[in-house]
Every structure is written in C-alpha cells, then in structure tokens.
Amino acid sequence: MRDDNVQSLILKIYDTALDPGNWPEVLFSVAHTLGAQGSMIFEMTDHFGRQTISSPYQSKNYDPEAVRAYIKKHNSQELLDQGKFAKISGQGEDISLVNDLEFGVTPKSLSEQSNVQDMMKFKLKHRSGAILNKDRWHIDRLSLQYADTRGPATGAEKALARVLLPHIAKALRIGRPIIGKGALPERFQKLPFGVCVISAKGFPIASNVEFDRIVDDAGIFKIVSNG
C-alpha cells in the first residue's frame, strides 16, 4: 500500500476519537488494507463471576445483530480463543498481530471448532488478533477475519499491521468515555497542550491528540508493558 494511502487511513483512524460512528467505515478500510474480509473490536466483561465477550465496533460489512448472536452462541469457545490470542499478543511492548494457527492448533482441528464452522457458513475461516491496550487486557482487542480461500495474516500484512495498530490503540484510548457516559469533550482534544488522564494507580485512561503527538515526537513519556 502506498505511503500516502497509509497516512490517509491513519488520519481517518484518529477521526474516530471525536466521532465513534466512523469506526465501521475505518475498520472496513483497515481490514481491506491488511488483506482481511472484516474486523472487529472486542472487550471482555465480568458479570457476577461470568465472563462474556462483546464487540462495540465492527466493520461496516458486518450486521451488528448477527455479530451479537454469534458471540452469544459461541461465548465459551471465543473466551478460550481470546485467551490464547492474549497470551501471545500481550507479551512485550510492541502491538502486533497473532494468527490463529500460532497457538497450537492444526487447520483440521480449527475447522472442527463450532465457532469456525459457523464462520465458514459466511465464507470466513482464519483470524488474527491483537491486544491493543497492554495495561488493560480486557478492553480494546482487535480481530481480523479472512476469506476461507486463504490463510491468516502473511508476514507483509503483519508488518503493515505494526504500523496501523498503534494508531488504532491510541484512537480508542483518546475516545474512550471517562466521565459518566460522555467522552472527552471536543474542546479538550483541541487544546494546544497535552492532556493525559490517569487512574488512581497511575495507569493512563485517556489522552488528547497533542499529548500523543508529544509522546511520538519527543519521546518524553513511554507506556511500558505493565502500564
């Protein structure tokens, strides 16, 4: 993909921080750029001791109701799969894709999983995933789904993903609601100085665009693997 196209996509990724309604279009572009049919953002919740998966955002080619029905039907298997993805993707400080064949399954055994069999009804099979928030593993997980005519991410696609995924992670963090049901006000995003909101334990919860620019350009701050 040409550099100018990548830069254009990165700008669109950051637009989601102020308008989350852009995510379906952006996730579709991300999937297409990385050779996938579609993509989703996942998160894990714990309700009275029962862990469940939900997907707040999906690429525009997916029906949200169908996605919810799929997750509800296959929650147990998806929890197992997400655990395997996280065990590999959560290590280190880099954000990178992990393929479904990297956690000890064969193509045959993968095809026998009930969730994959349902995916294959829609001509999908392999997946790749990534932990985007290294200090809060239960949120901001990306998953890419591939056509059943090909395998998961190639080396070149993983290399391009390493360029895009940190920006997706930042956009999610910038736009994450932090006060009641409201996101960071737009005026905070446009402040000429950097703002980073941290939890009581010092973990970054949300930041504005200028703060992330300072982090990238000056290298003054760095978020390490333990948050």
C-alpha atoms as a PDB file:
ATOM      1  CA  MET A   1       0.000   0.000   0.000  1.00  0.00           C
ATOM      2  CA  ARG A   2       1.335   3.452  -0.891  1.00  0.00           C
ATOM      3  CA  ASP A   3       2.617   5.622   1.967  1.00  0.00           C
ATOM      4  CA  ASP A   4       0.124   8.412   1.214  1.00  0.00           C
ATOM      5  CA  ASN A   5      -2.755   5.908   1.407  1.00  0.00           C
ATOM      6  CA  VAL A   6      -1.457   4.655   4.751  1.00  0.00           C
ATOM      7  CA  GLN A   7      -1.215   8.214   6.076  1.00  0.00           C
ATOM      8  CA  SER A   8      -4.746   8.947   4.874  1.00  0.00           C
ATOM      9  CA  LEU A   9      -6.033   5.859   6.694  1.00  0.00           C
ATOM     10  CA  ILE A  10      -4.180   6.856   9.868  1.00  0.00           C
ATOM     11  CA  LEU A  11      -5.898  10.264   9.806  1.00  0.00           C
ATOM     12  CA  LYS A  12      -9.266   8.540   9.423  1.00  0.00           C
ATOM     13  CA  ILE A  13      -8.417   6.308  12.389  1.00  0.00           C
ATOM     14  CA  TYR A  14      -7.922   9.367  14.596  1.00  0.00           C
ATOM     15  CA  ASP A  15     -11.209  10.877  13.375  1.00  0.00           C
ATOM     16  CA  THR A  16     -12.958   8.094  15.327  1.00  0.00           C
ATOM     17  CA  ALA A  17     -11.787   9.646  18.603  1.00  0.00           C
ATOM     18  CA  LEU A  18     -14.240  12.517  18.096  1.00  0.00           C
ATOM     19  CA  ASP A  19     -16.838  10.561  16.150  1.00  0.00           C
ATOM     20  CA  PRO A  20     -17.067   6.847  17.093  1.00  0.00           C
ATOM     21  CA  GLY A  21     -19.653   6.489  14.348  1.00  0.00           C
ATOM     22  CA  ASN A  22     -16.721   6.396  11.921  1.00  0.00           C
ATOM     23  CA  TRP A  23     -15.456   3.064  13.269  1.00  0.00           C
ATOM     24  CA  PRO A  24     -17.451   0.777  10.902  1.00  0.00           C
ATOM     25  CA  GLU A  25     -16.008   2.531   7.843  1.00  0.00           C
ATOM     26  CA  VAL A  26     -12.494   2.711   9.330  1.00  0.00           C
ATOM     27  CA  LEU A  27     -12.447  -0.927  10.447  1.00  0.00           C
ATOM     28  CA  PHE A  28     -13.558  -1.965   6.967  1.00  0.00           C
ATOM     29  CA  SER A  29     -10.662   0.030   5.454  1.00  0.00           C
ATOM     30  CA  VAL A  30      -8.227  -1.470   7.969  1.00  0.00           C
ATOM     31  CA  ALA A  31      -9.420  -4.984   7.137  1.00  0.00           C
ATOM     32  CA  HIS A  32      -9.161  -4.375   3.383  1.00  0.00           C
ATOM     33  CA  THR A  33      -5.679  -2.878   3.784  1.00  0.00           C
ATOM     34  CA  LEU A  34      -4.499  -5.904   5.759  1.00  0.00           C
ATOM     35  CA  GLY A  35      -5.965  -8.494   3.394  1.00  0.00           C
ATOM     36  CA  ALA A  36      -8.943  -9.427   5.592  1.00  0.00           C
ATOM     37  CA  GLN A  37     -12.672  -9.526   4.879  1.00  0.00           C
ATOM     38  CA  GLY A  38     -13.653  -7.703   8.046  1.00  0.00           C
ATOM     39  CA  SER A  39     -12.553  -6.664  11.512  1.00  0.00           C
ATOM     40  CA  MET A  40     -13.971  -6.065  14.990  1.00  0.00           C
ATOM     41  CA  ILE A  41     -13.038  -4.501  18.307  1.00  0.00           C
ATOM     42  CA  PHE A  42     -13.682  -6.824  21.260  1.00  0.00           C
ATOM     43  CA  GLU A  43     -13.784  -6.350  25.003  1.00  0.00           C
ATOM     44  CA  MET A  44     -14.316  -8.652  27.976  1.00  0.00           C
ATOM     45  CA  THR A  45     -16.731  -8.022  30.833  1.00  0.00           C
ATOM     46  CA  ASP A  46     -17.298  -9.858  34.104  1.00  0.00           C
ATOM     47  CA  HIS A  47     -20.901 -10.025  35.321  1.00  0.00           C
ATOM     48  CA  PHE A  48     -21.448 -11.815  38.636  1.00  0.00           C
ATOM     49  CA  GLY A  49     -18.427 -14.005  38.011  1.00  0.00           C
ATOM     50  CA  ARG A  50     -19.361 -14.908  34.440  1.00  0.00           C
ATOM     51  CA  GLN A  51     -17.050 -13.559  31.778  1.00  0.00           C
ATOM     52  CA  THR A  52     -18.564 -12.536  28.468  1.00  0.00           C
ATOM     53  CA  ILE A  53     -17.300 -11.048  25.222  1.00  0.00           C
ATOM     54  CA  SER A  54     -18.833  -8.073  23.465  1.00  0.00           C
ATOM     55  CA  SER A  55     -17.972  -6.128  20.321  1.00  0.00           C
ATOM     56  CA  PRO A  56     -18.649  -2.384  20.469  1.00  0.00           C
ATOM     57  CA  TYR A  57     -17.415  -1.798  16.897  1.00  0.00           C
ATOM     58  CA  GLN A  58     -17.415  -3.889  13.712  1.00  0.00           C
ATOM     59  CA  SER A  59     -16.513  -3.162  10.100  1.00  0.00           C
ATOM     60  CA  LYS A  60     -19.396  -1.867   8.008  1.00  0.00           C
ATOM     61  CA  ASN A  61     -19.841  -5.142   6.093  1.00  0.00           C
ATOM     62  CA  TYR A  62     -20.990  -6.923   9.283  1.00  0.00           C
ATOM     63  CA  ASP A  63     -24.513  -6.918  10.720  1.00  0.00           C
ATOM     64  CA  PRO A  64     -24.197  -5.911  14.414  1.00  0.00           C
ATOM     65  CA  GLU A  65     -27.179  -8.084  15.358  1.00  0.00           C
ATOM     66  CA  ALA A  66     -25.627 -11.109  13.656  1.00  0.00           C
ATOM     67  CA  VAL A  67     -22.346 -10.436  15.442  1.00  0.00           C
ATOM     68  CA  ARG A  68     -24.096 -10.262  18.819  1.00  0.00           C
ATOM     69  CA  ALA A  69     -25.945 -13.521  18.098  1.00  0.00           C
ATOM     70  CA  TYR A  70     -22.684 -15.219  17.080  1.00  0.00           C
ATOM     71  CA  ILE A  71     -20.858 -14.066  20.227  1.00  0.00           C
ATOM     72  CA  LYS A  72     -23.724 -15.147  22.475  1.00  0.00           C
ATOM     73  CA  LYS A  73     -23.837 -18.592  20.859  1.00  0.00           C
ATOM     74  CA  HIS A  74     -20.074 -19.164  20.958  1.00  0.00           C
ATOM     75  CA  ASN A  75     -19.076 -17.174  24.054  1.00  0.00           C
ATOM     76  CA  SER A  76     -17.310 -20.133  25.742  1.00  0.00           C
ATOM     77  CA  GLN A  77     -15.192 -21.037  22.707  1.00  0.00           C
ATOM     78  CA  GLU A  78     -14.455 -17.389  21.961  1.00  0.00           C
ATOM     79  CA  LEU A  79     -13.211 -16.918  25.534  1.00  0.00           C
ATOM     80  CA  LEU A  80     -10.817 -19.827  25.009  1.00  0.00           C
ATOM     81  CA  ASP A  81      -9.636 -18.429  21.687  1.00  0.00           C
ATOM     82  CA  GLN A  82      -9.278 -14.903  23.061  1.00  0.00           C
ATOM     83  CA  GLY A  83      -7.227 -16.272  25.945  1.00  0.00           C
ATOM     84  CA  LYS A  84      -4.820 -17.910  23.502  1.00  0.00           C
ATOM     85  CA  PHE A  85      -4.534 -14.746  21.428  1.00  0.00           C
ATOM     86  CA  ALA A  86      -3.908 -12.662  24.546  1.00  0.00           C
ATOM     87  CA  LYS A  87      -1.255 -14.995  25.948  1.00  0.00           C
ATOM     88  CA  ILE A  88       0.929 -14.316  22.913  1.00  0.00           C
ATOM     89  CA  SER A  89      -0.136 -10.815  21.854  1.00  0.00           C
ATOM     90  CA  GLY A  90       0.006  -9.412  25.389  1.00  0.00           C
ATOM     91  CA  GLN A  91       3.725 -10.053  25.789  1.00  0.00           C
ATOM     92  CA  GLY A  92       6.264  -7.269  25.309  1.00  0.00           C
ATOM     93  CA  GLU A  93       5.616  -3.658  24.421  1.00  0.00           C
ATOM     94  CA  ASP A  94       5.005  -3.929  20.671  1.00  0.00           C
ATOM     95  CA  ILE A  95       1.466  -4.204  19.318  1.00  0.00           C
ATOM     96  CA  SER A  96       1.410  -6.937  16.710  1.00  0.00           C
ATOM     97  CA  LEU A  97      -0.982  -9.422  15.107  1.00  0.00           C
ATOM     98  CA  VAL A  98      -1.137 -13.051  16.218  1.00  0.00           C
ATOM     99  CA  ASN A  99      -2.550 -15.669  13.841  1.00  0.00           C
ATOM    100  CA  ASP A 100      -4.972 -18.384  14.927  1.00  0.00           C
ATOM    101  CA  LEU A 101      -2.511 -21.076  13.817  1.00  0.00           C
ATOM    102  CA  GLU A 102       0.139 -19.754  16.221  1.00  0.00           C
ATOM    103  CA  PHE A 103      -1.418 -21.185  19.378  1.00  0.00           C
ATOM    104  CA  GLY A 104      -1.121 -24.901  18.831  1.00  0.00           C
ATOM    105  CA  VAL A 105      -3.997 -25.826  16.547  1.00  0.00           C
ATOM    106  CA  THR A 106      -3.911 -27.525  13.164  1.00  0.00           C
ATOM    107  CA  PRO A 107      -6.024 -26.376  10.202  1.00  0.00           C
ATOM    108  CA  LYS A 108      -8.075 -29.565  10.633  1.00  0.00           C
ATOM    109  CA  SER A 109      -8.759 -29.091  14.356  1.00  0.00           C
ATOM    110  CA  LEU A 110      -9.537 -25.419  13.751  1.00  0.00           C
ATOM    111  CA  SER A 111     -12.145 -26.382  11.146  1.00  0.00           C
ATOM    112  CA  GLU A 112     -13.800 -28.679  13.697  1.00  0.00           C
ATOM    113  CA  GLN A 113     -14.490 -25.865  16.187  1.00  0.00           C
ATOM    114  CA  SER A 114     -18.180 -24.960  16.253  1.00  0.00           C
ATOM    115  CA  ASN A 115     -17.497 -21.219  16.038  1.00  0.00           C
ATOM    116  CA  VAL A 116     -15.248 -21.648  12.998  1.00  0.00           C
ATOM    117  CA  GLN A 117     -17.850 -23.876  11.345  1.00  0.00           C
ATOM    118  CA  ASP A 118     -20.384 -21.067  11.731  1.00  0.00           C
ATOM    119  CA  MET A 119     -17.838 -18.581  10.324  1.00  0.00           C
ATOM    120  CA  MET A 120     -17.332 -20.860   7.316  1.00  0.00           C
ATOM    121  CA  LYS A 121     -21.050 -20.567   6.514  1.00  0.00           C
ATOM    122  CA  PHE A 122     -20.200 -16.945   5.680  1.00  0.00           C
ATOM    123  CA  LYS A 123     -17.061 -17.962   3.715  1.00  0.00           C
ATOM    124  CA  LEU A 124     -14.736 -16.932   6.564  1.00  0.00           C
ATOM    125  CA  LYS A 125     -12.229 -19.138   8.347  1.00  0.00           C
ATOM    126  CA  HIS A 126      -8.949 -17.837   9.761  1.00  0.00           C
ATOM    127  CA  ARG A 127      -8.497 -14.979  12.202  1.00  0.00           C
ATOM    128  CA  SER A 128      -5.721 -12.784  13.526  1.00  0.00           C
ATOM    129  CA  GLY A 129      -5.914 -10.757  16.722  1.00  0.00           C
ATOM    130  CA  ALA A 130      -4.056  -8.231  18.837  1.00  0.00           C
ATOM    131  CA  ILE A 131      -4.133  -6.790  22.344  1.00  0.00           C
ATOM    132  CA  LEU A 132      -4.218  -3.033  21.766  1.00  0.00           C
ATOM    133  CA  ASN A 133      -4.209  -1.933  25.411  1.00  0.00           C
ATOM    134  CA  LYS A 134      -1.287  -3.611  27.186  1.00  0.00           C
ATOM    135  CA  ASP A 135      -2.214  -2.363  30.677  1.00  0.00           C
ATOM    136  CA  ARG A 136      -5.927  -3.239  30.398  1.00  0.00           C
ATOM    137  CA  TRP A 137      -6.103  -6.559  28.571  1.00  0.00           C
ATOM    138  CA  HIS A 138      -9.876  -6.892  28.890  1.00  0.00           C
ATOM    139  CA  ILE A 139     -10.610  -3.988  26.511  1.00  0.00           C
ATOM    140  CA  ASP A 140      -9.549  -2.869  23.038  1.00  0.00           C
ATOM    141  CA  ARG A 141      -8.846  -6.184  21.347  1.00  0.00           C
ATOM    142  CA  LEU A 142      -8.726  -6.226  17.558  1.00  0.00           C
ATOM    143  CA  SER A 143      -9.750  -9.240  15.489  1.00  0.00           C
ATOM    144  CA  LEU A 144      -9.435  -9.677  11.709  1.00  0.00           C
ATOM    145  CA  GLN A 145     -11.379 -12.327   9.801  1.00  0.00           C
ATOM    146  CA  TYR A 146     -10.157 -13.780   6.495  1.00  0.00           C
ATOM    147  CA  ALA A 147     -11.847 -15.365   3.479  1.00  0.00           C
ATOM    148  CA  ASP A 148     -11.878 -19.166   3.513  1.00  0.00           C
ATOM    149  CA  THR A 149      -9.861 -19.148   0.285  1.00  0.00           C
ATOM    150  CA  ARG A 150      -6.697 -18.026   2.103  1.00  0.00           C
ATOM    151  CA  GLY A 151      -4.834 -18.341   5.386  1.00  0.00           C
ATOM    152  CA  PRO A 152      -4.327 -15.794   8.183  1.00  0.00           C
ATOM    153  CA  ALA A 153      -2.026 -12.761   8.033  1.00  0.00           C
ATOM    154  CA  THR A 154       1.154 -13.017   5.977  1.00  0.00           C
ATOM    155  CA  GLY A 155       4.496 -11.581   7.056  1.00  0.00           C
ATOM    156  CA  ALA A 156       3.982  -8.497   4.882  1.00  0.00           C
ATOM    157  CA  GLU A 157       0.477  -7.953   6.273  1.00  0.00           C
ATOM    158  CA  LYS A 158       1.803  -8.282   9.833  1.00  0.00           C
ATOM    159  CA  ALA A 159       4.480  -5.692   9.072  1.00  0.00           C
ATOM    160  CA  LEU A 160       1.856  -3.241   7.804  1.00  0.00           C
ATOM    161  CA  ALA A 161      -0.312  -4.025  10.838  1.00  0.00           C
ATOM    162  CA  ARG A 162       2.553  -2.962  13.111  1.00  0.00           C
ATOM    163  CA  VAL A 163       2.272   0.475  11.508  1.00  0.00           C
ATOM    164  CA  LEU A 164      -1.514   0.782  11.859  1.00  0.00           C
ATOM    165  CA  LEU A 165      -2.304  -0.957  15.162  1.00  0.00           C
ATOM    166  CA  PRO A 166      -0.617   1.580  17.497  1.00  0.00           C
ATOM    167  CA  HIS A 167      -2.761   4.318  15.930  1.00  0.00           C
ATOM    168  CA  ILE A 168      -5.928   2.263  16.409  1.00  0.00           C
ATOM    169  CA  ALA A 169      -4.903   1.728  20.042  1.00  0.00           C
ATOM    170  CA  LYS A 170      -4.370   5.468  20.562  1.00  0.00           C
ATOM    171  CA  ALA A 171      -7.635   6.417  18.886  1.00  0.00           C
ATOM    172  CA  LEU A 172      -9.554   4.028  21.127  1.00  0.00           C
ATOM    173  CA  ARG A 173      -7.817   5.409  24.207  1.00  0.00           C
ATOM    174  CA  ILE A 174      -8.413   9.034  23.207  1.00  0.00           C
ATOM    175  CA  GLY A 175     -12.081   8.418  22.531  1.00  0.00           C
ATOM    176  CA  ARG A 176     -12.781   6.134  25.500  1.00  0.00           C
ATOM    177  CA  PRO A 177     -15.515   7.512  27.801  1.00  0.00           C
ATOM    178  CA  ILE A 178     -14.092   8.602  31.143  1.00  0.00           C
ATOM    179  CA  ILE A 179     -16.841  10.668  32.798  1.00  0.00           C
ATOM    180  CA  GLY A 180     -20.299   9.099  33.058  1.00  0.00           C
ATOM    181  CA  LYS A 181     -21.488   8.387  29.532  1.00  0.00           C
ATOM    182  CA  GLY A 182     -19.593  11.260  27.950  1.00  0.00           C
ATOM    183  CA  ALA A 183     -16.317  11.064  26.052  1.00  0.00           C
ATOM    184  CA  LEU A 184     -13.541  13.625  26.402  1.00  0.00           C
ATOM    185  CA  PRO A 185     -15.127  16.893  25.243  1.00  0.00           C
ATOM    186  CA  GLU A 186     -14.049  18.010  21.793  1.00  0.00           C
ATOM    187  CA  ARG A 187     -12.521  21.170  23.260  1.00  0.00           C
ATOM    188  CA  PHE A 188     -10.084  19.005  25.258  1.00  0.00           C
ATOM    189  CA  GLN A 189      -8.930  17.394  22.046  1.00  0.00           C
ATOM    190  CA  LYS A 190      -8.245  20.808  20.532  1.00  0.00           C
ATOM    191  CA  LEU A 191      -6.250  22.198  23.473  1.00  0.00           C
ATOM    192  CA  PRO A 192      -2.772  23.426  22.436  1.00  0.00           C
ATOM    193  CA  PHE A 193      -1.161  21.418  25.265  1.00  0.00           C
ATOM    194  CA  GLY A 194      -1.160  17.716  26.028  1.00  0.00           C
ATOM    195  CA  VAL A 195      -3.645  16.162  28.443  1.00  0.00           C
ATOM    196  CA  CYS A 196      -3.420  12.627  29.811  1.00  0.00           C
ATOM    197  CA  VAL A 197      -5.941  11.291  32.336  1.00  0.00           C
ATOM    198  CA  ILE A 198      -4.624   8.574  34.644  1.00  0.00           C
ATOM    199  CA  SER A 199      -6.293   6.215  37.090  1.00  0.00           C
ATOM    200  CA  ALA A 200      -5.694   6.220  40.843  1.00  0.00           C
ATOM    201  CA  LYS A 201      -2.937   3.648  40.275  1.00  0.00           C
ATOM    202  CA  GLY A 202      -1.272   5.764  37.617  1.00  0.00           C
ATOM    203  CA  PHE A 203      -2.470   3.887  34.551  1.00  0.00           C
ATOM    204  CA  PRO A 204      -3.315   6.071  31.512  1.00  0.00           C
ATOM    205  CA  ILE A 205      -7.041   6.089  30.802  1.00  0.00           C
ATOM    206  CA  ALA A 206      -7.344   8.672  28.037  1.00  0.00           C
ATOM    207  CA  SER A 207      -5.308  11.383  26.345  1.00  0.00           C
ATOM    208  CA  ASN A 208      -5.761  14.105  23.763  1.00  0.00           C
ATOM    209  CA  VAL A 209      -4.184  14.326  20.333  1.00  0.00           C
ATOM    210  CA  GLU A 210      -1.484  16.803  21.395  1.00  0.00           C
ATOM    211  CA  PHE A 211      -0.329  14.548  24.238  1.00  0.00           C
ATOM    212  CA  ASP A 212       0.056  11.619  21.845  1.00  0.00           C
ATOM    213  CA  ARG A 213       1.933  13.835  19.384  1.00  0.00           C
ATOM    214  CA  ILE A 214       4.380  14.804  22.139  1.00  0.00           C
ATOM    215  CA  VAL A 215       4.865  11.163  23.070  1.00  0.00           C
ATOM    216  CA  ASP A 216       5.622  10.268  19.454  1.00  0.00           C
ATOM    217  CA  ASP A 217       7.804  13.259  18.581  1.00  0.00           C
ATOM    218  CA  ALA A 218       9.707  13.945  21.781  1.00  0.00           C
ATOM    219  CA  GLY A 219       9.865  10.543  23.438  1.00  0.00           C
ATOM    220  CA  ILE A 220       9.431  12.183  26.853  1.00  0.00           C
ATOM    221  CA  PHE A 221       6.836   9.686  28.018  1.00  0.00           C
ATOM    222  CA  LYS A 222       6.546   5.981  27.345  1.00  0.00           C
ATOM    223  CA  ILE A 223       3.914   3.435  28.319  1.00  0.00           C
ATOM    224  CA  VAL A 224       5.661   0.203  29.235  1.00  0.00           C
ATOM    225  CA  SER A 225       4.183  -3.290  29.158  1.00  0.00           C
ATOM    226  CA  ASN A 226       2.931  -3.149  32.765  1.00  0.00           C
ATOM    227  CA  GLY A 227       1.134   0.164  32.181  1.00  0.00           C
END
